[in-house]
Amino acid sequence: MRRLPAVLLFTALAASAAVGAAPTAAAAPPPPPDAATPRSHLASLTVAAEGPSTGYSRDKFPHWITQSGTCNTREVVLQRDGSGVVTDSSCAAVSGTWRSPYDSAT
């Protein structure tokens, strides 16, 4: 029967002790920050001037899968989140009202 060198034995024991002493995960996430904290972070952002959408193409975002009939995910969400939404025969929203939950703009 071969014996493990003392260094290997010590390393194995130390590693198993470290695993047993690892901190456990928190049971709940931390509470949300007060309202001033995110406002402070937002105030430090630089807002660029509006410009052209060079390089943007809807073809790069193929995740608008069909949900029902001719309605894709985007159209379903527009209908869900809007009020008085009117759609055309291909399910595209042609009118309606949408309110931003962030600043109540319509």
Protein backbone atom coordinates (compact mmCIF):
# COMPACT_ATOMS: atom_id res chain seq x y z
CA MET A 1 0.00 0.00 0.00
CA ARG A 2 1.39 3.39 -1.02
CA ARG A 3 1.38 6.27 1.40
CA LEU A 4 0.62 9.80 0.31
CA PRO A 5 3.40 12.30 0.93
CA ALA A 6 2.64 14.58 3.87
CA VAL A 7 2.38 17.65 1.60
CA LEU A 8 -0.40 16.06 -0.47
CA LEU A 9 -2.24 14.92 2.62
CA PHE A 10 -1.99 18.38 4.19
CA THR A 11 -3.19 20.02 0.93
CA ALA A 12 -6.19 17.70 0.70
CA LEU A 13 -7.14 18.35 4.34
CA ALA A 14 -6.74 22.12 3.95
CA ALA A 15 -8.89 22.15 0.80
CA SER A 16 -11.68 20.18 2.43
CA ALA A 17 -11.61 22.48 5.46
CA ALA A 18 -11.82 25.56 3.21
CA VAL A 19 -14.87 24.15 1.41
CA GLY A 20 -16.60 23.48 4.71
CA ALA A 21 -15.83 27.01 5.92
CA ALA A 22 -17.14 28.77 2.79
CA PRO A 23 -19.86 31.32 3.47
CA THR A 24 -23.40 30.26 2.68
CA ALA A 25 -25.59 32.12 0.20
CA ALA A 26 -27.88 34.78 1.55
CA ALA A 27 -31.46 33.62 1.98
CA ALA A 28 -32.90 36.80 0.46
CA PRO A 29 -31.60 39.55 -1.80
CA PRO A 30 -30.59 42.83 -0.21
CA PRO A 31 -33.26 45.51 0.11
CA PRO A 32 -33.58 47.98 -2.76
CA PRO A 33 -31.67 51.25 -2.46
CA ASP A 34 -33.38 54.44 -1.40
CA ALA A 35 -34.74 56.65 -4.22
CA ALA A 36 -31.77 59.05 -4.04
CA THR A 37 -29.21 56.40 -5.01
CA PRO A 38 -30.53 55.58 -8.50
CA ARG A 39 -31.28 59.28 -9.12
CA SER A 40 -27.66 60.05 -8.33
CA HIS A 41 -26.46 57.35 -10.74
CA LEU A 42 -28.80 58.58 -13.47
CA ALA A 43 -27.67 62.18 -13.02
CA SER A 44 -24.07 61.13 -13.68
CA LEU A 45 -24.88 59.63 -17.10
CA THR A 46 -23.95 61.49 -20.26
CA VAL A 47 -26.79 61.66 -22.76
CA ALA A 48 -25.69 61.78 -26.38
CA ALA A 49 -27.51 63.86 -28.94
CA GLU A 50 -30.04 61.97 -31.03
CA GLY A 51 -28.55 60.86 -34.30
CA PRO A 52 -28.92 58.39 -37.13
CA SER A 53 -29.34 54.69 -36.37
CA THR A 54 -26.39 53.73 -38.53
CA GLY A 55 -25.85 49.99 -38.51
CA TYR A 56 -29.25 49.20 -37.02
CA SER A 57 -31.32 46.58 -38.78
CA ARG A 58 -34.35 44.71 -37.50
CA ASP A 59 -32.96 41.67 -39.31
CA LYS A 60 -30.33 41.48 -36.53
CA PHE A 61 -33.13 40.83 -34.02
CA PRO A 62 -34.97 37.70 -35.20
CA HIS A 63 -36.58 37.10 -31.79
CA TRP A 64 -39.96 38.51 -32.81
CA ILE A 65 -41.44 35.04 -33.18
CA THR A 66 -45.05 34.47 -34.18
CA GLN A 67 -47.32 34.26 -31.15
CA SER A 68 -50.76 33.80 -32.69
CA GLY A 69 -51.97 34.02 -36.28
CA THR A 70 -49.92 36.80 -37.86
CA CYS A 71 -49.06 38.52 -34.54
CA ASN A 72 -45.43 38.40 -33.46
CA THR A 73 -44.08 39.03 -29.95
CA ARG A 74 -43.56 42.75 -30.51
CA GLU A 75 -47.13 43.25 -31.73
CA VAL A 76 -48.59 41.24 -28.84
CA VAL A 77 -46.64 43.33 -26.32
CA LEU A 78 -47.71 46.59 -27.98
CA GLN A 79 -51.34 45.48 -27.71
CA ARG A 80 -50.87 44.33 -24.11
CA ASP A 81 -49.20 47.52 -22.93
CA GLY A 82 -51.26 50.05 -24.87
CA SER A 83 -54.77 51.33 -24.55
CA GLY A 84 -57.17 51.79 -27.44
CA VAL A 85 -54.76 49.89 -29.69
CA VAL A 86 -56.00 49.41 -33.25
CA THR A 87 -54.24 46.89 -35.48
CA ASP A 88 -54.30 46.34 -39.22
CA SER A 89 -54.97 43.02 -40.98
CA SER A 90 -51.36 41.92 -40.43
CA CYS A 91 -51.59 42.62 -36.65
CA ALA A 92 -49.36 45.74 -36.75
CA ALA A 93 -50.44 48.52 -34.38
CA VAL A 94 -51.62 51.50 -36.42
CA SER A 95 -52.84 53.64 -33.52
CA GLY A 96 -53.18 53.61 -29.77
CA THR A 97 -51.74 55.16 -26.64
CA TRP A 98 -48.78 53.94 -24.64
CA ARG A 99 -47.75 55.44 -21.30
CA SER A 100 -44.19 55.24 -20.02
CA PRO A 101 -44.07 53.74 -16.52
CA TYR A 102 -40.90 55.75 -15.87
CA ASP A 103 -42.06 59.30 -16.54
CA SER A 104 -45.77 58.91 -17.48
CA ALA A 105 -45.09 60.36 -20.96
CA THR A 106 -47.48 59.17 -23.68
